[in-house]
Full PDB file with SEQRES, HELIX, SHEET, SSBOND, CRYST1, ORIGX, SCALE, CONECT and MASTER records, all heavy atoms in Angstrom:
SEQRES   1 A   36  ALA MET ALA THR PRO PRO GLU GLN ARG LYS THR PRO GLU          
SEQRES   2 A   36  PHE ALA GLU LEU GLU LYS GLU TYR LEU THR CYS MET ASP          
SEQRES   3 A   36  SER MET GLU ALA VAL ARG ILE ARG PHE VAL                      
HELIX    1 AA1 PRO A    6  GLN A    8  5                                   3    
HELIX    2 AA2 PRO A   12  PHE A   35  1                                  24    
CRYST1    1.000    1.000    1.000  90.00  90.00  90.00 P 1           1          
ORIGX1      1.000000  0.000000  0.000000        0.00000                         
ORIGX2      0.000000  1.000000  0.000000        0.00000                         
ORIGX3      0.000000  0.000000  1.000000        0.00000                         
SCALE1      1.000000  0.000000  0.000000        0.00000                         
SCALE2      0.000000  1.000000  0.000000        0.00000                         
SCALE3      0.000000  0.000000  1.000000        0.00000                         
ATOM      1  N   ALA A   1      -5.008  -0.675   7.868  1.00  0.00           N  
ATOM      2  CA  ALA A   1      -4.686   0.754   7.934  1.00  0.00           C  
ATOM      3  C   ALA A   1      -5.812   1.557   8.568  1.00  0.00           C  
ATOM      4  O   ALA A   1      -5.566   2.440   9.396  1.00  0.00           O  
ATOM      5  CB  ALA A   1      -4.391   1.278   6.527  1.00  0.00           C  
ATOM      6  N   MET A   2      -7.042   1.251   8.195  1.00  0.00           N  
ATOM      7  CA  MET A   2      -8.175   1.984   8.732  1.00  0.00           C  
ATOM      8  C   MET A   2      -8.349   1.725  10.237  1.00  0.00           C  
ATOM      9  O   MET A   2      -8.862   2.580  10.957  1.00  0.00           O  
ATOM     10  CB  MET A   2      -9.455   1.590   7.994  1.00  0.00           C  
ATOM     11  CG  MET A   2      -9.464   1.995   6.527  1.00  0.00           C  
ATOM     12  SD  MET A   2      -9.387   3.783   6.283  1.00  0.00           S  
ATOM     13  CE  MET A   2     -10.997   4.279   6.861  1.00  0.00           C  
ATOM     14  N   ALA A   3      -7.906   0.560  10.685  1.00  0.00           N  
ATOM     15  CA  ALA A   3      -8.028   0.221  12.099  1.00  0.00           C  
ATOM     16  C   ALA A   3      -6.855   0.747  12.927  1.00  0.00           C  
ATOM     17  O   ALA A   3      -6.875   0.647  14.155  1.00  0.00           O  
ATOM     18  CB  ALA A   3      -8.136  -1.294  12.264  1.00  0.00           C  
ATOM     19  N   THR A   4      -5.858   1.304  12.253  1.00  0.00           N  
ATOM     20  CA  THR A   4      -4.683   1.811  12.946  1.00  0.00           C  
ATOM     21  C   THR A   4      -4.963   3.208  13.490  1.00  0.00           C  
ATOM     22  O   THR A   4      -5.337   4.107  12.737  1.00  0.00           O  
ATOM     23  CB  THR A   4      -3.472   1.870  11.996  1.00  0.00           C  
ATOM     24  OG1 THR A   4      -3.222   0.568  11.473  1.00  0.00           O  
ATOM     25  CG2 THR A   4      -2.232   2.362  12.742  1.00  0.00           C  
ATOM     26  N   PRO A   5      -4.795   3.438  14.794  1.00  0.00           N  
ATOM     27  CA  PRO A   5      -5.027   4.779  15.380  1.00  0.00           C  
ATOM     28  C   PRO A   5      -4.121   5.814  14.714  1.00  0.00           C  
ATOM     29  O   PRO A   5      -2.990   5.490  14.305  1.00  0.00           O  
ATOM     30  CB  PRO A   5      -4.657   4.581  16.851  1.00  0.00           C  
ATOM     31  CG  PRO A   5      -4.809   3.116  17.095  1.00  0.00           C  
ATOM     32  CD  PRO A   5      -4.407   2.450  15.814  1.00  0.00           C  
ATOM     33  N   PRO A   6      -4.587   7.052  14.579  1.00  0.00           N  
ATOM     34  CA  PRO A   6      -3.802   8.108  13.920  1.00  0.00           C  
ATOM     35  C   PRO A   6      -2.388   8.258  14.473  1.00  0.00           C  
ATOM     36  O   PRO A   6      -1.450   8.483  13.704  1.00  0.00           O  
ATOM     37  CB  PRO A   6      -4.638   9.367  14.178  1.00  0.00           C  
ATOM     38  CG  PRO A   6      -6.040   8.860  14.301  1.00  0.00           C  
ATOM     39  CD  PRO A   6      -5.921   7.534  14.984  1.00  0.00           C  
ATOM     40  N   GLU A   7      -2.233   8.098  15.791  1.00  0.00           N  
ATOM     41  CA  GLU A   7      -0.903   8.298  16.377  1.00  0.00           C  
ATOM     42  C   GLU A   7       0.079   7.192  15.983  1.00  0.00           C  
ATOM     43  O   GLU A   7       1.292   7.355  16.129  1.00  0.00           O  
ATOM     44  CB  GLU A   7      -1.005   8.372  17.907  1.00  0.00           C  
ATOM     45  CG  GLU A   7      -1.514   7.119  18.583  1.00  0.00           C  
ATOM     46  CD  GLU A   7      -3.036   7.058  18.680  1.00  0.00           C  
ATOM     47  OE1 GLU A   7      -3.707   7.883  17.999  1.00  0.00           O  
ATOM     48  OE2 GLU A   7      -3.540   6.216  19.431  1.00  0.00           O  
ATOM     49  N   GLN A   8      -0.433   6.073  15.470  1.00  0.00           N  
ATOM     50  CA  GLN A   8       0.442   4.977  15.074  1.00  0.00           C  
ATOM     51  C   GLN A   8       0.721   4.963  13.573  1.00  0.00           C  
ATOM     52  O   GLN A   8       1.421   4.077  13.086  1.00  0.00           O  
ATOM     53  CB  GLN A   8      -0.177   3.639  15.492  1.00  0.00           C  
ATOM     54  CG  GLN A   8      -0.282   3.443  16.995  1.00  0.00           C  
ATOM     55  CD  GLN A   8      -0.854   2.083  17.353  1.00  0.00           C  
ATOM     56  OE1 GLN A   8      -0.825   1.140  16.558  1.00  0.00           O  
ATOM     57  NE2 GLN A   8      -1.413   1.969  18.559  1.00  0.00           N  
ATOM     58  N   ARG A   9       0.181   5.954  12.863  1.00  0.00           N  
ATOM     59  CA  ARG A   9       0.370   5.982  11.414  1.00  0.00           C  
ATOM     60  C   ARG A   9       1.681   6.631  10.990  1.00  0.00           C  
ATOM     61  O   ARG A   9       1.940   6.784   9.799  1.00  0.00           O  
ATOM     62  CB  ARG A   9      -0.817   6.702  10.754  1.00  0.00           C  
ATOM     63  CG  ARG A   9      -2.108   5.909  10.884  1.00  0.00           C  
ATOM     64  CD  ARG A   9      -3.302   6.650  10.333  1.00  0.00           C  
ATOM     65  NE  ARG A   9      -4.535   5.907  10.580  1.00  0.00           N  
ATOM     66  CZ  ARG A   9      -5.756   6.369  10.326  1.00  0.00           C  
ATOM     67  NH1 ARG A   9      -5.904   7.592   9.830  1.00  0.00           N  
ATOM     68  NH2 ARG A   9      -6.814   5.626  10.575  1.00  0.00           N  
ATOM     69  N   LYS A  10       2.495   7.000  11.964  1.00  0.00           N  
ATOM     70  CA  LYS A  10       3.811   7.561  11.660  1.00  0.00           C  
ATOM     71  C   LYS A  10       4.931   6.606  12.053  1.00  0.00           C  
ATOM     72  O   LYS A  10       6.101   6.980  12.035  1.00  0.00           O  
ATOM     73  CB  LYS A  10       3.985   8.900  12.381  1.00  0.00           C  
ATOM     74  CG  LYS A  10       3.021   9.979  11.905  1.00  0.00           C  
ATOM     75  CD  LYS A  10       3.257  11.305  12.604  1.00  0.00           C  
ATOM     76  CE  LYS A  10       2.274  12.365  12.108  1.00  0.00           C  
ATOM     77  NZ  LYS A  10       2.487  13.663  12.794  1.00  0.00           N  
ATOM     78  N   THR A  11       4.568   5.392  12.370  1.00  0.00           N  
ATOM     79  CA  THR A  11       5.551   4.397  12.777  1.00  0.00           C  
ATOM     80  C   THR A  11       6.187   3.738  11.552  1.00  0.00           C  
ATOM     81  O   THR A  11       5.605   3.737  10.456  1.00  0.00           O  
ATOM     82  CB  THR A  11       4.897   3.309  13.638  1.00  0.00           C  
ATOM     83  OG1 THR A  11       3.908   2.622  12.841  1.00  0.00           O  
ATOM     84  CG2 THR A  11       4.229   3.903  14.861  1.00  0.00           C  
ATOM     85  N   PRO A  12       7.374   3.137  11.705  1.00  0.00           N  
ATOM     86  CA  PRO A  12       8.005   2.408  10.603  1.00  0.00           C  
ATOM     87  C   PRO A  12       7.133   1.264  10.091  1.00  0.00           C  
ATOM     88  O   PRO A  12       7.131   0.970   8.891  1.00  0.00           O  
ATOM     89  CB  PRO A  12       9.299   1.874  11.237  1.00  0.00           C  
ATOM     90  CG  PRO A  12       9.592   2.829  12.345  1.00  0.00           C  
ATOM     91  CD  PRO A  12       8.253   3.219  12.895  1.00  0.00           C  
ATOM     92  N   GLU A  13       6.385   0.640  11.007  1.00  0.00           N  
ATOM     93  CA  GLU A  13       5.520  -0.477  10.603  1.00  0.00           C  
ATOM     94  C   GLU A  13       4.425  -0.010   9.655  1.00  0.00           C  
ATOM     95  O   GLU A  13       4.118  -0.681   8.663  1.00  0.00           O  
ATOM     96  CB  GLU A  13       4.889  -1.125  11.847  1.00  0.00           C  
ATOM     97  CG  GLU A  13       5.862  -1.869  12.736  1.00  0.00           C  
ATOM     98  CD  GLU A  13       6.690  -0.960  13.620  1.00  0.00           C  
ATOM     99  OE1 GLU A  13       6.351   0.261  13.716  1.00  0.00           O  
ATOM    100  OE2 GLU A  13       7.661  -1.439  14.220  1.00  0.00           O  
ATOM    101  N   PHE A  14       3.839   1.148   9.954  1.00  0.00           N  
ATOM    102  CA  PHE A  14       2.797   1.675   9.074  1.00  0.00           C  
ATOM    103  C   PHE A  14       3.390   2.105   7.736  1.00  0.00           C  
ATOM    104  O   PHE A  14       2.761   1.940   6.686  1.00  0.00           O  
ATOM    105  CB  PHE A  14       2.084   2.861   9.729  1.00  0.00           C  
ATOM    106  CG  PHE A  14       0.821   3.267   9.014  1.00  0.00           C  
ATOM    107  CD1 PHE A  14      -0.369   2.614   9.263  1.00  0.00           C  
ATOM    108  CD2 PHE A  14       0.829   4.295   8.076  1.00  0.00           C  
ATOM    109  CE1 PHE A  14      -1.540   2.971   8.601  1.00  0.00           C  
ATOM    110  CE2 PHE A  14      -0.334   4.654   7.408  1.00  0.00           C  
ATOM    111  CZ  PHE A  14      -1.525   3.990   7.667  1.00  0.00           C  
ATOM    112  N   ALA A  15       4.602   2.642   7.762  1.00  0.00           N  
ATOM    113  CA  ALA A  15       5.280   3.035   6.519  1.00  0.00           C  
ATOM    114  C   ALA A  15       5.501   1.818   5.631  1.00  0.00           C  
ATOM    115  O   ALA A  15       5.340   1.891   4.402  1.00  0.00           O  
ATOM    116  CB  ALA A  15       6.603   3.712   6.834  1.00  0.00           C  
ATOM    117  N   GLU A  16       5.865   0.694   6.229  1.00  0.00           N  
ATOM    118  CA  GLU A  16       6.053  -0.537   5.467  1.00  0.00           C  
ATOM    119  C   GLU A  16       4.724  -1.034   4.903  1.00  0.00           C  
ATOM    120  O   GLU A  16       4.666  -1.555   3.783  1.00  0.00           O  
ATOM    121  CB  GLU A  16       6.671  -1.614   6.353  1.00  0.00           C  
ATOM    122  CG  GLU A  16       8.155  -1.422   6.614  1.00  0.00           C  
ATOM    123  CD  GLU A  16       8.974  -1.445   5.321  1.00  0.00           C  
ATOM    124  OE1 GLU A  16       8.753  -2.355   4.496  1.00  0.00           O  
ATOM    125  OE2 GLU A  16       9.821  -0.548   5.141  1.00  0.00           O  
ATOM    126  N   LEU A  17       3.663  -0.863   5.681  1.00  0.00           N  
ATOM    127  CA  LEU A  17       2.335  -1.266   5.214  1.00  0.00           C  
ATOM    128  C   LEU A  17       1.932  -0.440   4.000  1.00  0.00           C  
ATOM    129  O   LEU A  17       1.408  -0.974   3.009  1.00  0.00           O  
ATOM    130  CB  LEU A  17       1.317  -1.078   6.345  1.00  0.00           C  
ATOM    131  CG  LEU A  17      -0.067  -1.702   6.134  1.00  0.00           C  
ATOM    132  CD1 LEU A  17       0.029  -3.221   6.168  1.00  0.00           C  
ATOM    133  CD2 LEU A  17      -1.033  -1.223   7.214  1.00  0.00           C  
ATOM    134  N   GLU A  18       2.172   0.859   4.078  1.00  0.00           N  
ATOM    135  CA  GLU A  18       1.833   1.720   2.951  1.00  0.00           C  
ATOM    136  C   GLU A  18       2.714   1.420   1.736  1.00  0.00           C  
ATOM    137  O   GLU A  18       2.247   1.461   0.595  1.00  0.00           O  
ATOM    138  CB  GLU A  18       1.966   3.192   3.330  1.00  0.00           C  
ATOM    139  CG  GLU A  18       1.490   4.134   2.217  1.00  0.00           C  
ATOM    140  CD  GLU A  18       1.151   5.505   2.739  1.00  0.00           C  
ATOM    141  OE1 GLU A  18       2.048   6.126   3.348  1.00  0.00           O  
ATOM    142  OE2 GLU A  18      -0.002   5.933   2.554  1.00  0.00           O  
ATOM    143  N   LYS A  19       3.970   1.077   1.976  1.00  0.00           N  
ATOM    144  CA  LYS A  19       4.866   0.698   0.887  1.00  0.00           C  
ATOM    145  C   LYS A  19       4.350  -0.549   0.176  1.00  0.00           C  
ATOM    146  O   LYS A  19       4.356  -0.618  -1.056  1.00  0.00           O  
ATOM    147  CB  LYS A  19       6.275   0.449   1.430  1.00  0.00           C  
ATOM    148  CG  LYS A  19       7.296   0.116   0.364  1.00  0.00           C  
ATOM    149  CD  LYS A  19       8.680  -0.075   0.981  1.00  0.00           C  
ATOM    150  CE  LYS A  19       9.713  -0.437  -0.092  1.00  0.00           C  
ATOM    151  NZ  LYS A  19      11.058  -0.651   0.515  1.00  0.00           N  
ATOM    152  N   GLU A  20       3.892  -1.528   0.951  1.00  0.00           N  
ATOM    153  CA  GLU A  20       3.336  -2.733   0.348  1.00  0.00           C  
ATOM    154  C   GLU A  20       2.061  -2.418  -0.435  1.00  0.00           C  
ATOM    155  O   GLU A  20       1.814  -2.971  -1.505  1.00  0.00           O  
ATOM    156  CB  GLU A  20       3.034  -3.785   1.420  1.00  0.00           C  
ATOM    157  CG  GLU A  20       2.524  -5.099   0.826  1.00  0.00           C  
ATOM    158  CD  GLU A  20       2.114  -6.122   1.864  1.00  0.00           C  
ATOM    159  OE1 GLU A  20       2.247  -5.831   3.073  1.00  0.00           O  
ATOM    160  OE2 GLU A  20       1.633  -7.209   1.467  1.00  0.00           O  
ATOM    161  N   TYR A  21       1.255  -1.516   0.122  1.00  0.00           N  
ATOM    162  CA  TYR A  21       0.024  -1.103  -0.559  1.00  0.00           C  
ATOM    163  C   TYR A  21       0.342  -0.519  -1.936  1.00  0.00           C  
ATOM    164  O   TYR A  21      -0.276  -0.876  -2.951  1.00  0.00           O  
ATOM    165  CB  TYR A  21      -0.713  -0.079   0.299  1.00  0.00           C  
ATOM    166  CG  TYR A  21      -2.028   0.416  -0.281  1.00  0.00           C  
ATOM    167  CD1 TYR A  21      -3.209  -0.258  -0.033  1.00  0.00           C  
ATOM    168  CD2 TYR A  21      -2.074   1.562  -1.069  1.00  0.00           C  
ATOM    169  CE1 TYR A  21      -4.417   0.186  -0.547  1.00  0.00           C  
ATOM    170  CE2 TYR A  21      -3.277   2.016  -1.594  1.00  0.00           C  
ATOM    171  CZ  TYR A  21      -4.437   1.331  -1.337  1.00  0.00           C  
ATOM    172  OH  TYR A  21      -5.626   1.769  -1.868  1.00  0.00           O  
ATOM    173  N   LEU A  22       1.317   0.382  -2.001  1.00  0.00           N  
ATOM    174  CA  LEU A  22       1.694   1.012  -3.268  1.00  0.00           C  
ATOM    175  C   LEU A  22       2.263  -0.007  -4.241  1.00  0.00           C  
ATOM    176  O   LEU A  22       2.010   0.062  -5.453  1.00  0.00           O  
ATOM    177  CB  LEU A  22       2.702   2.130  -3.009  1.00  0.00           C  
ATOM    178  CG  LEU A  22       2.208   3.296  -2.152  1.00  0.00           C  
ATOM    179  CD1 LEU A  22       3.328   4.296  -1.925  1.00  0.00           C  
ATOM    180  CD2 LEU A  22       1.004   3.974  -2.796  1.00  0.00           C  
ATOM    181  N   THR A  23       3.016  -0.968  -3.726  1.00  0.00           N  
ATOM    182  CA  THR A  23       3.560  -2.022  -4.581  1.00  0.00           C  
ATOM    183  C   THR A  23       2.442  -2.853  -5.188  1.00  0.00           C  
ATOM    184  O   THR A  23       2.475  -3.190  -6.377  1.00  0.00           O  
ATOM    185  CB  THR A  23       4.509  -2.933  -3.765  1.00  0.00           C  
ATOM    186  OG1 THR A  23       5.598  -2.155  -3.265  1.00  0.00           O  
ATOM    187  CG2 THR A  23       5.052  -4.058  -4.633  1.00  0.00           C  
ATOM    188  N   CYS A  24       1.443  -3.175  -4.378  1.00  0.00           N  
ATOM    189  CA  CYS A  24       0.291  -3.935  -4.874  1.00  0.00           C  
ATOM    190  C   CYS A  24      -0.481  -3.144  -5.926  1.00  0.00           C  
ATOM    191  O   CYS A  24      -0.934  -3.698  -6.937  1.00  0.00           O  
ATOM    192  CB  CYS A  24      -0.638  -4.307  -3.718  1.00  0.00           C  
ATOM    193  SG  CYS A  24      -0.013  -5.599  -2.627  1.00  0.00           S  
ATOM    194  N   MET A  25      -0.645  -1.844  -5.684  1.00  0.00           N  
ATOM    195  CA  MET A  25      -1.340  -1.001  -6.661  1.00  0.00           C  
ATOM    196  C   MET A  25      -0.601  -0.986  -7.991  1.00  0.00           C  
ATOM    197  O   MET A  25      -1.213  -1.089  -9.065  1.00  0.00           O  
ATOM    198  CB  MET A  25      -1.475   0.423  -6.111  1.00  0.00           C  
ATOM    199  CG  MET A  25      -2.434   0.556  -4.939  1.00  0.00           C  
ATOM    200  SD  MET A  25      -4.169   0.337  -5.416  1.00  0.00           S  
ATOM    201  CE  MET A  25      -4.463   1.875  -6.297  1.00  0.00           C  
ATOM    202  N   ASP A  26       0.710  -0.853  -7.939  1.00  0.00           N  
ATOM    203  CA  ASP A  26       1.517  -0.856  -9.163  1.00  0.00           C  
ATOM    204  C   ASP A  26       1.429  -2.204  -9.871  1.00  0.00           C  
ATOM    205  O   ASP A  26       1.357  -2.266 -11.104  1.00  0.00           O  
ATOM    206  CB  ASP A  26       2.974  -0.530  -8.836  1.00  0.00           C  
ATOM    207  CG  ASP A  26       3.171   0.917  -8.424  1.00  0.00           C  
ATOM    208  OD1 ASP A  26       2.294   1.744  -8.735  1.00  0.00           O  
ATOM    209  OD2 ASP A  26       4.195   1.220  -7.780  1.00  0.00           O  
ATOM    210  N   SER A  27       1.442  -3.269  -9.097  1.00  0.00           N  
ATOM    211  CA  SER A  27       1.347  -4.609  -9.670  1.00  0.00           C  
ATOM    212  C   SER A  27       0.009  -4.813 -10.374  1.00  0.00           C  
ATOM    213  O   SER A  27      -0.055  -5.358 -11.483  1.00  0.00           O  
ATOM    214  CB  SER A  27       1.518  -5.656  -8.567  1.00  0.00           C  
ATOM    215  OG  SER A  27       1.312  -6.959  -9.077  1.00  0.00           O  
ATOM    216  N   MET A  28      -1.061  -4.353  -9.742  1.00  0.00           N  
ATOM    217  CA  MET A  28      -2.388  -4.494 -10.331  1.00  0.00           C  
ATOM    218  C   MET A  28      -2.511  -3.671 -11.607  1.00  0.00           C  
ATOM    219  O   MET A  28      -3.125  -4.101 -12.587  1.00  0.00           O  
ATOM    220  CB  MET A  28      -3.447  -4.070  -9.310  1.00  0.00           C  
ATOM    221  CG  MET A  28      -4.862  -4.425  -9.701  1.00  0.00           C  
ATOM    222  SD  MET A  28      -5.974  -4.411  -8.264  1.00  0.00           S  
ATOM    223  CE  MET A  28      -5.768  -2.743  -7.676  1.00  0.00           C  
ATOM    224  N   GLU A  29      -1.912  -2.485 -11.602  1.00  0.00           N  
ATOM    225  CA  GLU A  29      -1.930  -1.660 -12.808  1.00  0.00           C  
ATOM    226  C   GLU A  29      -1.164  -2.338 -13.934  1.00  0.00           C  
ATOM    227  O   GLU A  29      -1.601  -2.309 -15.094  1.00  0.00           O  
ATOM    228  CB  GLU A  29      -1.331  -0.284 -12.520  1.00  0.00           C  
ATOM    229  CG  GLU A  29      -1.355   0.637 -13.732  1.00  0.00           C  
ATOM    230  CD  GLU A  29      -0.889   2.032 -13.398  1.00  0.00           C  
ATOM    231  OE1 GLU A  29      -1.640   2.758 -12.725  1.00  0.00           O  
ATOM    232  OE2 GLU A  29       0.236   2.395 -13.821  1.00  0.00           O  
ATOM    233  N   ALA A  30      -0.043  -2.959 -13.618  1.00  0.00           N  
ATOM    234  CA  ALA A  30       0.751  -3.657 -14.637  1.00  0.00           C  
ATOM    235  C   ALA A  30      -0.038  -4.802 -15.265  1.00  0.00           C  
ATOM    236  O   ALA A  30       0.035  -5.030 -16.482  1.00  0.00           O  
ATOM    237  CB  ALA A  30       2.041  -4.176 -14.020  1.00  0.00           C  
ATOM    238  N   VAL A  31      -0.808  -5.511 -14.441  1.00  0.00           N  
ATOM    239  CA  VAL A  31      -1.654  -6.600 -14.957  1.00  0.00           C  
ATOM    240  C   VAL A  31      -2.694  -6.036 -15.919  1.00  0.00           C  
ATOM    241  O   VAL A  31      -2.939  -6.602 -16.999  1.00  0.00           O  
ATOM    242  CB  VAL A  31      -2.331  -7.358 -13.801  1.00  0.00           C  
ATOM    243  CG1 VAL A  31      -3.381  -8.334 -14.343  1.00  0.00           C  
ATOM    244  CG2 VAL A  31      -1.299  -8.103 -12.967  1.00  0.00           C  
ATOM    245  N   ARG A  32      -3.303  -4.919 -15.546  1.00  0.00           N  
ATOM    246  CA  ARG A  32      -4.328  -4.318 -16.401  1.00  0.00           C  
ATOM    247  C   ARG A  32      -3.716  -3.836 -17.726  1.00  0.00           C  
ATOM    248  O   ARG A  32      -4.323  -3.992 -18.791  1.00  0.00           O  
ATOM    249  CB  ARG A  32      -5.013  -3.160 -15.678  1.00  0.00           C  
ATOM    250  CG  ARG A  32      -5.956  -3.598 -14.561  1.00  0.00           C  
ATOM    251  CD  ARG A  32      -6.805  -2.446 -14.074  1.00  0.00           C  
ATOM    252  NE  ARG A  32      -7.864  -2.897 -13.190  1.00  0.00           N  
ATOM    253  CZ  ARG A  32      -7.870  -2.721 -11.870  1.00  0.00           C  
ATOM    254  NH1 ARG A  32      -6.863  -2.075 -11.287  1.00  0.00           N  
ATOM    255  NH2 ARG A  32      -8.860  -3.165 -11.134  1.00  0.00           N  
ATOM    256  N   ILE A  33      -2.547  -3.242 -17.659  1.00  0.00           N  
ATOM    257  CA  ILE A  33      -1.891  -2.767 -18.882  1.00  0.00           C  
ATOM    258  C   ILE A  33      -1.586  -3.935 -19.816  1.00  0.00           C  
ATOM    259  O   ILE A  33      -1.805  -3.846 -21.036  1.00  0.00           O  
ATOM    260  CB  ILE A  33      -0.610  -1.988 -18.537  1.00  0.00           C  
ATOM    261  CG1 ILE A  33      -0.971  -0.646 -17.896  1.00  0.00           C  
ATOM    262  CG2 ILE A  33       0.244  -1.755 -19.794  1.00  0.00           C  
ATOM    263  CD1 ILE A  33       0.215   0.142 -17.391  1.00  0.00           C  
ATOM    264  N   ARG A  34      -1.103  -5.031 -19.268  1.00  0.00           N  
ATOM    265  CA  ARG A  34      -0.831  -6.216 -20.099  1.00  0.00           C  
ATOM    266  C   ARG A  34      -2.116  -6.725 -20.739  1.00  0.00           C  
ATOM    267  O   ARG A  34      -2.117  -7.131 -21.915  1.00  0.00           O  
ATOM    268  CB  ARG A  34      -0.190  -7.321 -19.260  1.00  0.00           C  
ATOM    269  CG  ARG A  34       1.259  -7.062 -18.879  1.00  0.00           C  
ATOM    270  CD  ARG A  34       1.951  -8.346 -18.428  1.00  0.00           C  
ATOM    271  NE  ARG A  34       1.334  -8.916 -17.246  1.00  0.00           N  
ATOM    272  CZ  ARG A  34       1.682  -8.609 -16.006  1.00  0.00           C  
ATOM    273  NH1 ARG A  34       2.648  -7.721 -15.775  1.00  0.00           N  
ATOM    274  NH2 ARG A  34       1.088  -9.187 -14.977  1.00  0.00           N  
ATOM    275  N   PHE A  35      -3.202  -6.697 -19.989  1.00  0.00           N  
ATOM    276  CA  PHE A  35      -4.485  -7.158 -20.535  1.00  0.00           C  
ATOM    277  C   PHE A  35      -4.933  -6.264 -21.684  1.00  0.00           C  
ATOM    278  O   PHE A  35      -5.376  -6.760 -22.729  1.00  0.00           O  
ATOM    279  CB  PHE A  35      -5.550  -7.175 -19.435  1.00  0.00           C  
ATOM    280  CG  PHE A  35      -6.860  -7.777 -19.875  1.00  0.00           C  
ATOM    281  CD1 PHE A  35      -7.103  -9.121 -19.701  1.00  0.00           C  
ATOM    282  CD2 PHE A  35      -7.840  -6.998 -20.473  1.00  0.00           C  
ATOM    283  CE1 PHE A  35      -8.299  -9.691 -20.124  1.00  0.00           C  
ATOM    284  CE2 PHE A  35      -9.035  -7.544 -20.895  1.00  0.00           C  
ATOM    285  CZ  PHE A  35      -9.267  -8.899 -20.719  1.00  0.00           C  
ATOM    286  N   VAL A  36      -4.831  -4.956 -21.510  1.00  0.00           N  
ATOM    287  CA  VAL A  36      -5.231  -4.011 -22.555  1.00  0.00           C  
ATOM    288  C   VAL A  36      -4.444  -4.267 -23.834  1.00  0.00           C  
ATOM    289  O   VAL A  36      -5.004  -4.294 -24.942  1.00  0.00           O  
ATOM    290  CB  VAL A  36      -5.037  -2.559 -22.087  1.00  0.00           C  
ATOM    291  CG1 VAL A  36      -5.271  -1.586 -23.235  1.00  0.00           C  
ATOM    292  CG2 VAL A  36      -5.977  -2.237 -20.927  1.00  0.00           C  
TER     293      VAL A  36                                                      
MASTER        0    0    0    2    0    0    0    6  292    1    0    3          
END                                                                             
């Protein structure tokens, strides 16, 4: 994402990348909650 030029951050591909990022964040939070 950081290497992606600003003009390419509105593409469907970047949207999918951000969607995967959010999914990973949610998954990591779920692991932490289970541990707690």
